[in-house]
PDB file of N, CA and C in Angstrom:
ATOM      1  N   MET A   1       8.305   5.200  17.432  1.00  0.00           N
ATOM      2  CA  MET A   1       7.747   5.396  16.434  1.00  0.00           C
ATOM      3  C   MET A   1       8.487   6.632  15.540  1.00  0.00           C
ATOM      4  N   ASP A   2       8.399   6.358  14.182  1.00  0.00           N
ATOM      5  CA  ASP A   2       8.906   7.561  13.483  1.00  0.00           C
ATOM      6  C   ASP A   2       8.191   7.548  12.216  1.00  0.00           C
ATOM      7  N   ALA A   3       8.695   8.081  11.226  1.00  0.00           N
ATOM      8  CA  ALA A   3       8.272   8.271   9.919  1.00  0.00           C
ATOM      9  C   ALA A   3       7.728   7.378   9.309  1.00  0.00           C
ATOM     10  N   ARG A   4       8.344   6.365   9.623  1.00  0.00           N
ATOM     11  CA  ARG A   4       7.941   5.010   8.688  1.00  0.00           C
ATOM     12  C   ARG A   4       6.479   4.294   9.223  1.00  0.00           C
ATOM     13  N   SER A   5       5.959   4.995  10.546  1.00  0.00           N
ATOM     14  CA  SER A   5       4.954   4.594  10.977  1.00  0.00           C
ATOM     15  C   SER A   5       3.835   5.474  10.111  1.00  0.00           C
ATOM     16  N   ASP A   6       4.105   6.877   9.768  1.00  0.00           N
ATOM     17  CA  ASP A   6       3.233   7.422   8.835  1.00  0.00           C
ATOM     18  C   ASP A   6       3.374   6.693   7.398  1.00  0.00           C
ATOM     19  N   THR A   7       4.170   5.814   7.177  1.00  0.00           N
ATOM     20  CA  THR A   7       4.000   4.964   5.807  1.00  0.00           C
ATOM     21  C   THR A   7       3.469   4.169   6.087  1.00  0.00           C
ATOM     22  N   TYR A   8       3.439   3.391   7.304  1.00  0.00           N
ATOM     23  CA  TYR A   8       2.275   2.171   7.580  1.00  0.00           C
ATOM     24  C   TYR A   8       0.933   2.998   7.447  1.00  0.00           C
ATOM     25  N   SER A   9       0.738   4.076   8.116  1.00  0.00           N
ATOM     26  CA  SER A   9      -0.637   4.347   8.148  1.00  0.00           C
ATOM     27  C   SER A   9      -1.216   4.890   6.732  1.00  0.00           C
ATOM     28  N   LEU A  10      -0.216   5.586   5.759  1.00  0.00           N
ATOM     29  CA  LEU A  10      -0.765   5.645   4.494  1.00  0.00           C
ATOM     30  C   LEU A  10      -0.915   4.519   3.900  1.00  0.00           C
ATOM     31  N   GLY A  11       0.070   3.326   3.669  1.00  0.00           N
ATOM     32  CA  GLY A  11      -0.593   2.140   3.354  1.00  0.00           C
ATOM     33  C   GLY A  11      -1.914   1.522   3.953  1.00  0.00           C
ATOM     34  N   ILE A  12      -2.143   1.619   4.843  1.00  0.00           N
ATOM     35  CA  ILE A  12      -3.352   1.145   5.414  1.00  0.00           C
ATOM     36  C   ILE A  12      -4.444   1.829   4.706  1.00  0.00           C
ATOM     37  N   MET A  13      -4.312   3.432   4.436  1.00  0.00           N
ATOM     38  CA  MET A  13      -5.187   4.068   4.044  1.00  0.00           C
ATOM     39  C   MET A  13      -5.515   3.743   2.408  1.00  0.00           C
ATOM     40  N   LEU A  14      -4.457   3.617   1.688  1.00  0.00           N
ATOM     41  CA  LEU A  14      -4.216   3.259   0.512  1.00  0.00           C
ATOM     42  C   LEU A  14      -4.746   1.678   0.082  1.00  0.00           C
ATOM     43  N   PHE A  15      -4.740   0.939   1.030  1.00  0.00           N
ATOM     44  CA  PHE A  15      -5.333  -0.652   0.987  1.00  0.00           C
ATOM     45  C   PHE A  15      -6.676  -0.510   0.942  1.00  0.00           C
ATOM     46  N   GLU A  16      -7.418   0.421   1.858  1.00  0.00           N
ATOM     47  CA  GLU A  16      -8.837   0.549   2.057  1.00  0.00           C
ATOM     48  C   GLU A  16      -9.405   1.377   0.981  1.00  0.00           C
ATOM     49  N   LEU A  17      -8.626   2.430   0.267  1.00  0.00           N
ATOM     50  CA  LEU A  17      -9.228   3.019  -1.083  1.00  0.00           C
ATOM     51  C   LEU A  17      -9.041   2.091  -1.807  1.00  0.00           C
ATOM     52  N   LEU A  18      -8.276   0.932  -2.134  1.00  0.00           N
ATOM     53  CA  LEU A  18      -8.227   0.112  -3.492  1.00  0.00           C
ATOM     54  C   LEU A  18      -9.372  -0.940  -3.176  1.00  0.00           C
ATOM     55  N   SER A  19      -9.377  -1.578  -1.833  1.00  0.00           N
ATOM     56  CA  SER A  19     -10.444  -2.778  -1.535  1.00  0.00           C
ATOM     57  C   SER A  19     -11.470  -2.454  -1.239  1.00  0.00           C
ATOM     58  N   GLY A  20     -11.697  -1.493  -0.474  1.00  0.00           N
ATOM     59  CA  GLY A  20     -13.213  -1.235  -0.114  1.00  0.00           C
ATOM     60  C   GLY A  20     -13.184  -1.596   1.194  1.00  0.00           C
ATOM     61  N   ARG A  21     -12.269  -2.085   1.961  1.00  0.00           N
ATOM     62  CA  ARG A  21     -12.303  -2.860   3.246  1.00  0.00           C
ATOM     63  C   ARG A  21     -11.160  -2.382   4.219  1.00  0.00           C
ATOM     64  N   THR A  22     -11.367  -2.654   5.360  1.00  0.00           N
ATOM     65  CA  THR A  22      -9.959  -2.359   6.348  1.00  0.00           C
ATOM     66  C   THR A  22      -9.088  -3.442   5.957  1.00  0.00           C
ATOM     67  N   PRO A  23      -7.781  -3.685   6.264  1.00  0.00           N
ATOM     68  CA  PRO A  23      -7.094  -5.145   6.316  1.00  0.00           C
ATOM     69  C   PRO A  23      -7.492  -5.617   7.428  1.00  0.00           C
ATOM     70  N   PHE A  24      -7.771  -5.519   8.316  1.00  0.00           N
ATOM     71  CA  PHE A  24      -8.078  -6.032   9.859  1.00  0.00           C
ATOM     72  C   PHE A  24      -9.633  -5.534  10.622  1.00  0.00           C
ATOM     73  N   ALA A  25      -9.932  -6.448  11.121  1.00  0.00           N
ATOM     74  CA  ALA A  25     -11.273  -6.569  11.857  1.00  0.00           C
ATOM     75  C   ALA A  25     -11.140  -6.886  13.413  1.00  0.00           C
ATOM     76  N   GLY A  26     -12.175  -6.459  13.879  1.00  0.00           N
ATOM     77  CA  GLY A  26     -12.148  -6.916  15.277  1.00  0.00           C
ATOM     78  C   GLY A  26     -12.239  -6.092  16.243  1.00  0.00           C
ATOM     79  N   GLU A  27     -12.293  -6.357  17.356  1.00  0.00           N
ATOM     80  CA  GLU A  27     -12.096  -5.213  18.818  1.00  0.00           C
ATOM     81  C   GLU A  27     -10.812  -4.892  18.725  1.00  0.00           C
ATOM     82  N   TRP A  28     -10.799  -3.648  19.777  1.00  0.00           N
ATOM     83  CA  TRP A  28      -9.560  -2.964  19.723  1.00  0.00           C
ATOM     84  C   TRP A  28      -8.343  -3.668  20.169  1.00  0.00           C
ATOM     85  N   GLY A  29      -8.366  -4.513  21.017  1.00  0.00           N
ATOM     86  CA  GLY A  29      -7.040  -5.422  21.771  1.00  0.00           C
ATOM     87  C   GLY A  29      -6.624  -6.144  20.140  1.00  0.00           C
ATOM     88  N   GLU A  30      -7.743  -7.199  19.399  1.00  0.00           N
ATOM     89  CA  GLU A  30      -7.389  -7.690  18.131  1.00  0.00           C
ATOM     90  C   GLU A  30      -6.823  -6.801  17.012  1.00  0.00           C
ATOM     91  N   LEU A  31      -7.547  -5.678  17.093  1.00  0.00           N
ATOM     92  CA  LEU A  31      -6.732  -4.839  15.908  1.00  0.00           C
ATOM     93  C   LEU A  31      -5.387  -4.423  16.373  1.00  0.00           C
ATOM     94  N   ILE A  32      -5.194  -4.016  17.330  1.00  0.00           N
ATOM     95  CA  ILE A  32      -3.413  -3.814  17.746  1.00  0.00           C
ATOM     96  C   ILE A  32      -2.726  -4.919  17.596  1.00  0.00           C
ATOM     97  N   GLY A  33      -3.015  -6.044  17.846  1.00  0.00           N
ATOM     98  CA  GLY A  33      -2.500  -7.484  17.861  1.00  0.00           C
ATOM     99  C   GLY A  33      -2.265  -7.784  16.192  1.00  0.00           C
ATOM    100  N   ALA A  34      -3.091  -7.293  15.540  1.00  0.00           N
ATOM    101  CA  ALA A  34      -3.158  -7.619  13.959  1.00  0.00           C
ATOM    102  C   ALA A  34      -2.210  -6.889  13.237  1.00  0.00           C
ATOM    103  N   HIS A  35      -2.351  -5.538  13.699  1.00  0.00           N
ATOM    104  CA  HIS A  35      -1.369  -4.404  12.902  1.00  0.00           C
ATOM    105  C   HIS A  35      -0.230  -4.778  13.396  1.00  0.00           C
ATOM    106  N   LEU A  36       0.217  -5.192  14.258  1.00  0.00           N
ATOM    107  CA  LEU A  36       1.437  -5.651  15.185  1.00  0.00           C
ATOM    108  C   LEU A  36       2.453  -6.756  14.508  1.00  0.00           C
ATOM    109  N   TYR A  37       1.455  -8.233  14.182  1.00  0.00           N
ATOM    110  CA  TYR A  37       1.596  -9.494  13.912  1.00  0.00           C
ATOM    111  C   TYR A  37       1.208 -10.143  12.874  1.00  0.00           C
ATOM    112  N   MET A  38      -0.328  -9.284  12.438  1.00  0.00           N
ATOM    113  CA  MET A  38      -0.698 -10.467  11.127  1.00  0.00           C
ATOM    114  C   MET A  38      -0.187  -9.653   9.814  1.00  0.00           C
ATOM    115  N   ARG A  39      -0.313 -10.464   8.816  1.00  0.00           N
ATOM    116  CA  ARG A  39      -0.326  -9.978   7.423  1.00  0.00           C
ATOM    117  C   ARG A  39      -1.397  -9.738   6.889  1.00  0.00           C
ATOM    118  N   PRO A  40      -1.457  -8.717   6.274  1.00  0.00           N
ATOM    119  CA  PRO A  40      -2.965  -8.150   5.665  1.00  0.00           C
ATOM    120  C   PRO A  40      -3.232  -9.238   4.687  1.00  0.00           C
ATOM    121  N   PRO A  41      -4.471  -9.332   4.201  1.00  0.00           N
ATOM    122  CA  PRO A  41      -4.948  -9.851   3.164  1.00  0.00           C
ATOM    123  C   PRO A  41      -4.168  -9.694   2.094  1.00  0.00           C
ATOM    124  N   GLN A  42      -4.184 -10.521   0.726  1.00  0.00           N
ATOM    125  CA  GLN A  42      -3.604 -10.333  -0.287  1.00  0.00           C
ATOM    126  C   GLN A  42      -4.572  -8.923  -1.165  1.00  0.00           C
ATOM    127  N   LEU A  43      -4.004  -7.833  -1.287  1.00  0.00           N
ATOM    128  CA  LEU A  43      -4.628  -6.799  -2.021  1.00  0.00           C
ATOM    129  C   LEU A  43      -4.829  -7.207  -3.357  1.00  0.00           C
ATOM    130  N   ALA A  44      -4.028  -7.837  -3.838  1.00  0.00           N
ATOM    131  CA  ALA A  44      -4.202  -8.085  -5.460  1.00  0.00           C
ATOM    132  C   ALA A  44      -5.482  -9.089  -5.602  1.00  0.00           C
ATOM    133  N   GLY A  45      -5.748 -10.048  -4.847  1.00  0.00           N
ATOM    134  CA  GLY A  45      -7.163 -10.733  -4.588  1.00  0.00           C
ATOM    135  C   GLY A  45      -8.198  -9.665  -4.404  1.00  0.00           C
ATOM    136  N   LEU A  46      -8.091  -8.562  -3.635  1.00  0.00           N
ATOM    137  CA  LEU A  46      -9.523  -7.706  -3.297  1.00  0.00           C
ATOM    138  C   LEU A  46      -9.406  -6.781  -4.205  1.00  0.00           C
ATOM    139  N   ALA A  47      -8.728  -6.622  -5.185  1.00  0.00           N
ATOM    140  CA  ALA A  47      -8.312  -5.134  -6.052  1.00  0.00           C
ATOM    141  C   ALA A  47      -7.619  -5.692  -7.232  1.00  0.00           C
ATOM    142  N   PRO A  48      -8.411  -6.685  -7.961  1.00  0.00           N
ATOM    143  CA  PRO A  48      -7.612  -7.419  -9.055  1.00  0.00           C
ATOM    144  C   PRO A  48      -7.288  -6.426 -10.438  1.00  0.00           C
ATOM    145  N   ASP A  49      -8.273  -5.055 -10.489  1.00  0.00           N
ATOM    146  CA  ASP A  49      -7.695  -4.342 -11.558  1.00  0.00           C
ATOM    147  C   ASP A  49      -6.670  -3.154 -11.035  1.00  0.00           C
ATOM    148  N   ALA A  50      -6.246  -3.397  -9.848  1.00  0.00           N
ATOM    149  CA  ALA A  50      -5.309  -2.434  -9.459  1.00  0.00           C
ATOM    150  C   ALA A  50      -3.724  -2.288  -9.953  1.00  0.00           C
ATOM    151  N   PRO A  51      -2.760  -1.800 -10.449  1.00  0.00           N
ATOM    152  CA  PRO A  51      -1.750  -1.944 -11.308  1.00  0.00           C
ATOM    153  C   PRO A  51      -0.941  -2.731  -9.844  1.00  0.00           C
ATOM    154  N   SER A  52      -0.186  -3.494 -10.821  1.00  0.00           N
ATOM    155  CA  SER A  52       0.992  -4.350  -9.798  1.00  0.00           C
ATOM    156  C   SER A  52       1.808  -3.728  -8.991  1.00  0.00           C
ATOM    157  N   ALA A  53       2.067  -2.745  -9.537  1.00  0.00           N
ATOM    158  CA  ALA A  53       3.317  -1.641  -8.846  1.00  0.00           C
ATOM    159  C   ALA A  53       2.928  -1.041  -7.956  1.00  0.00           C
ATOM    160  N   LEU A  54       1.293  -0.570  -8.042  1.00  0.00           N
ATOM    161  CA  LEU A  54       0.797  -0.142  -6.750  1.00  0.00           C
ATOM    162  C   LEU A  54       0.600  -0.938  -5.901  1.00  0.00           C
ATOM    163  N   VAL A  55      -0.177  -2.210  -5.970  1.00  0.00           N
ATOM    164  CA  VAL A  55      -0.172  -3.403  -5.127  1.00  0.00           C
ATOM    165  C   VAL A  55       1.060  -3.575  -4.379  1.00  0.00           C
ATOM    166  N   THR A  56       2.321  -3.716  -4.883  1.00  0.00           N
ATOM    167  CA  THR A  56       3.461  -3.905  -4.639  1.00  0.00           C
ATOM    168  C   THR A  56       4.136  -2.937  -3.380  1.00  0.00           C
ATOM    169  N   LEU A  57       3.790  -1.644  -4.073  1.00  0.00           N
ATOM    170  CA  LEU A  57       4.123  -0.466  -2.985  1.00  0.00           C
ATOM    171  C   LEU A  57       3.435  -0.193  -1.856  1.00  0.00           C
ATOM    172  N   ILE A  58       2.370  -0.660  -1.913  1.00  0.00           N
ATOM    173  CA  ILE A  58       1.247  -0.626  -0.841  1.00  0.00           C
ATOM    174  C   ILE A  58       1.830  -1.814   0.129  1.00  0.00           C
ATOM    175  N   GLU A  59       1.870  -2.967  -0.306  1.00  0.00           N
ATOM    176  CA  GLU A  59       2.404  -4.137   0.408  1.00  0.00           C
ATOM    177  C   GLU A  59       3.773  -3.864   1.218  1.00  0.00           C
ATOM    178  N   ARG A  60       4.896  -2.677   0.567  1.00  0.00           N
ATOM    179  CA  ARG A  60       5.839  -2.715   1.235  1.00  0.00           C
ATOM    180  C   ARG A  60       5.826  -1.760   2.239  1.00  0.00           C
ATOM    181  N   MET A  61       4.689  -0.977   1.709  1.00  0.00           N
ATOM    182  CA  MET A  61       4.573   0.359   2.901  1.00  0.00           C
ATOM    183  C   MET A  61       3.618  -0.267   4.215  1.00  0.00           C
ATOM    184  N   MET A  62       3.215  -1.593   4.386  1.00  0.00           N
ATOM    185  CA  MET A  62       2.601  -1.891   5.052  1.00  0.00           C
ATOM    186  C   MET A  62       3.248  -3.080   6.129  1.00  0.00           C
ATOM    187  N   SER A  63       4.426  -3.177   5.730  1.00  0.00           N
ATOM    188  CA  SER A  63       5.678  -4.265   5.996  1.00  0.00           C
ATOM    189  C   SER A  63       5.320  -4.229   7.867  1.00  0.00           C
ATOM    190  N   LYS A  64       5.927  -5.430   8.049  1.00  0.00           N
ATOM    191  CA  LYS A  64       5.819  -5.304   9.674  1.00  0.00           C
ATOM    192  C   LYS A  64       7.198  -4.653  10.078  1.00  0.00           C
ATOM    193  N   ASP A  65       7.943  -5.246   9.045  1.00  0.00           N
ATOM    194  CA  ASP A  65       9.478  -4.573   9.528  1.00  0.00           C
ATOM    195  C   ASP A  65       9.850  -3.212   8.963  1.00  0.00           C
ATOM    196  N   ARG A  66       9.658  -2.540   9.786  1.00  0.00           N
ATOM    197  CA  ARG A  66      10.113  -0.847   9.607  1.00  0.00           C
ATOM    198  C   ARG A  66      10.773  -0.544   8.663  1.00  0.00           C
ATOM    199  N   ALA A  67      12.097  -1.182   8.767  1.00  0.00           N
ATOM    200  CA  ALA A  67      13.306  -1.032   7.611  1.00  0.00           C
ATOM    201  C   ALA A  67      13.148  -1.535   6.225  1.00  0.00           C
ATOM    202  N   GLU A  68      11.724  -2.207   6.256  1.00  0.00           N
ATOM    203  CA  GLU A  68      11.394  -2.862   4.920  1.00  0.00           C
ATOM    204  C   GLU A  68      10.792  -1.569   4.141  1.00  0.00           C
ATOM    205  N   ARG A  69      10.098  -1.001   5.112  1.00  0.00           N
ATOM    206  CA  ARG A  69       9.057   0.225   4.615  1.00  0.00           C
ATOM    207  C   ARG A  69       9.630   1.239   3.390  1.00  0.00           C
ATOM    208  N   PRO A  70       9.611   1.600   2.552  1.00  0.00           N
ATOM    209  CA  PRO A  70       9.829   2.729   1.854  1.00  0.00           C
ATOM    210  C   PRO A  70       9.619   3.980   2.426  1.00  0.00           C
ATOM    211  N   THR A  71      10.662   5.115   2.155  1.00  0.00           N
ATOM    212  CA  THR A  71      10.584   6.196   2.570  1.00  0.00           C
ATOM    213  C   THR A  71       9.384   7.167   2.221  1.00  0.00           C
ATOM    214  N   MET A  72       8.946   8.001   2.786  1.00  0.00           N
ATOM    215  CA  MET A  72       7.748   8.922   1.681  1.00  0.00           C
ATOM    216  C   MET A  72       8.597   9.405   0.491  1.00  0.00           C
ATOM    217  N   THR A  73       9.678  10.129   0.483  1.00  0.00           N
ATOM    218  CA  THR A  73      10.175  10.501  -0.796  1.00  0.00           C
ATOM    219  C   THR A  73      10.265   9.280  -1.774  1.00  0.00           C
ATOM    220  N   GLU A  74      10.320   8.264  -1.690  1.00  0.00           N
ATOM    221  CA  GLU A  74      10.373   6.849  -2.408  1.00  0.00           C
ATOM    222  C   GLU A  74       8.901   6.416  -2.914  1.00  0.00           C
ATOM    223  N   VAL A  75       7.852   6.626  -1.748  1.00  0.00           N
ATOM    224  CA  VAL A  75       6.425   6.577  -2.122  1.00  0.00           C
ATOM    225  C   VAL A  75       6.013   7.525  -3.056  1.00  0.00           C
ATOM    226  N   ARG A  76       6.863   8.815  -2.698  1.00  0.00           N
ATOM    227  CA  ARG A  76       6.137   9.814  -3.986  1.00  0.00           C
ATOM    228  C   ARG A  76       6.310   9.578  -5.367  1.00  0.00           C
ATOM    229  N   ALA A  77       7.860   9.119  -5.275  1.00  0.00           N
ATOM    230  CA  ALA A  77       8.519   8.662  -6.558  1.00  0.00           C
ATOM    231  C   ALA A  77       7.788   7.717  -6.982  1.00  0.00           C
ATOM    232  N   GLU A  78       7.473   6.669  -6.562  1.00  0.00           N
ATOM    233  CA  GLU A  78       6.787   5.225  -6.987  1.00  0.00           C
ATOM    234  C   GLU A  78       5.255   5.802  -7.490  1.00  0.00           C
ATOM    235  N   LEU A  79       4.837   6.299  -6.743  1.00  0.00           N
ATOM    236  CA  LEU A  79       3.389   7.345  -7.105  1.00  0.00           C
ATOM    237  C   LEU A  79       3.547   7.947  -8.078  1.00  0.00           C
ATOM    238  N   ALA A  80       4.220   8.917  -8.543  1.00  0.00           N
ATOM    239  CA  ALA A  80       4.490   9.611  -9.523  1.00  0.00           C
ATOM    240  C   ALA A  80       4.611   9.130 -11.034  1.00  0.00           C
ATOM    241  N   ARG A  81       5.063   8.056 -11.016  1.00  0.00           N
ATOM    242  CA  ARG A  81       5.022   6.984 -12.084  1.00  0.00           C
ATOM    243  C   ARG A  81       3.872   6.312 -12.641  1.00  0.00           C
ATOM    244  N   LEU A  82       2.851   6.405 -11.797  1.00  0.00           N
ATOM    245  CA  LEU A  82       1.765   5.870 -12.235  1.00  0.00           C
ATOM    246  C   LEU A  82       0.832   6.877 -12.971  1.00  0.00           C
ATOM    247  N   ARG A  83       0.390   6.316 -14.157  1.00  0.00           N
ATOM    248  CA  ARG A  83      -0.553   7.560 -14.415  1.00  0.00           C
ATOM    249  C   ARG A  83      -1.905   7.200 -14.324  1.00  0.00           C
ATOM    250  N   PRO A  84      -3.101   8.458 -14.304  1.00  0.00           N
ATOM    251  CA  PRO A  84      -4.486   7.663 -14.096  1.00  0.00           C
ATOM    252  C   PRO A  84      -4.897   6.886 -14.989  1.00  0.00           C
ATOM    253  N   GLY A  85      -4.671   6.944 -16.200  1.00  0.00           N
ATOM    254  CA  GLY A  85      -4.877   5.386 -17.319  1.00  0.00           C
ATOM    255  C   GLY A  85      -4.714   4.366 -16.862  1.00  0.00           C
ATOM    256  N   ASP A  86      -3.332   4.205 -15.886  1.00  0.00           N
ATOM    257  CA  ASP A  86      -2.768   2.385 -15.559  1.00  0.00           C
ATOM    258  C   ASP A  86      -3.839   2.282 -14.712  1.00  0.00           C
ATOM    259  N   PHE A  87      -4.629   2.875 -13.943  1.00  0.00           N
ATOM    260  CA  PHE A  87      -5.648   2.550 -13.164  1.00  0.00           C
ATOM    261  C   PHE A  87      -7.174   1.861 -13.530  1.00  0.00           C
ATOM    262  N   HIS A  88      -7.031   1.983 -15.055  1.00  0.00           N
ATOM    263  CA  HIS A  88      -8.061   1.255 -16.093  1.00  0.00           C
ATOM    264  C   HIS A  88      -7.508   0.277 -16.394  1.00  0.00           C
ATOM    265  N   SER A  89      -6.286   0.355 -17.133  1.00  0.00           N
ATOM    266  CA  SER A  89      -5.778  -0.693 -17.719  1.00  0.00           C
ATOM    267  C   SER A  89      -4.969  -1.729 -16.986  1.00  0.00           C
ATOM    268  N   GLY A  90      -4.657  -1.495 -15.648  1.00  0.00           N
ATOM    269  CA  GLY A  90      -3.826  -2.402 -15.341  1.00  0.00           C
ATOM    270  C   GLY A  90      -2.401  -2.434 -15.445  1.00  0.00           C
ATOM    271  N   ARG A  91      -1.934  -1.435 -16.473  1.00  0.00           N
ATOM    272  CA  ARG A  91      -0.451  -1.307 -16.236  1.00  0.00           C
ATOM    273  C   ARG A  91      -0.075   0.145 -15.744  1.00  0.00           C
ATOM    274  N   VAL A  92       1.317  -0.122 -15.689  1.00  0.00           N
ATOM    275  CA  VAL A  92       1.971   1.087 -14.991  1.00  0.00           C
ATOM    276  C   VAL A  92       3.187   1.562 -15.811  1.00  0.00           C
ATOM    277  N   HIS A  93       3.179   3.082 -16.200  1.00  0.00           N
ATOM    278  CA  HIS A  93       4.012   3.320 -17.091  1.00  0.00           C
ATOM    279  C   HIS A  93       5.334   3.467 -16.796  1.00  0.00           C
ATOM    280  N   GLU A  94       6.334   2.969 -17.104  1.00  0.00           N
ATOM    281  CA  GLU A  94       7.701   2.754 -16.320  1.00  0.00           C
ATOM    282  C   GLU A  94       8.306   4.236 -16.543  1.00  0.00           C
ATOM    283  N   SER A  95       8.507   5.016 -17.354  1.00  0.00           N
ATOM    284  CA  SER A  95       9.331   6.375 -17.293  1.00  0.00           C
ATOM    285  C   SER A  95       8.998   7.205 -16.209  1.00  0.00           C
ATOM    286  N   ALA A  96       9.415   7.365 -15.250  1.00  0.00           N
ATOM    287  CA  ALA A  96       9.089   8.846 -14.130  1.00  0.00           C
ATOM    288  C   ALA A  96       9.568   9.952 -14.713  1.00  0.00           C
ATOM    289  N   ALA A  97      10.224  10.039 -16.285  1.00  0.00           N
ATOM    290  CA  ALA A  97      10.309  11.336 -16.871  1.00  0.00           C
ATOM    291  C   ALA A  97       9.284  11.730 -17.774  1.00  0.00           C
ATOM    292  N   ASP A  98       8.253  10.726 -17.788  1.00  0.00           N
ATOM    293  CA  ASP A  98       7.178  11.045 -18.992  1.00  0.00           C
ATOM    294  C   ASP A  98       6.160  10.904 -18.622  1.00  0.00           C
ATOM    295  N   PRO A  99       5.340  12.048 -17.544  1.00  0.00           N
ATOM    296  CA  PRO A  99       4.109  11.973 -16.854  1.00  0.00           C
ATOM    297  C   PRO A  99       3.062  12.028 -17.607  1.00  0.00           C
TER     298      PRO A  99
END
């Protein structure tokens, strides 16, 4: 385990915040297997008003391949590009220089 495990955990928390549910359900052993091998449900279908850039970021954070997960520095930079108003309109501001 390394920092990419934290990225995965934060991705799970963001998934839950946006969708209102956990990505996986079941008994302890089933949950472990799901987190290791199963793809989570499509977040875009569970949170249709979420900005697509945020959905994509969360999906990357929850990648089963740790090498595909962004670093926390990358997560921070991508989150910084999102504006509060983007969550109401479903759009994302592209310029990180104009917060």
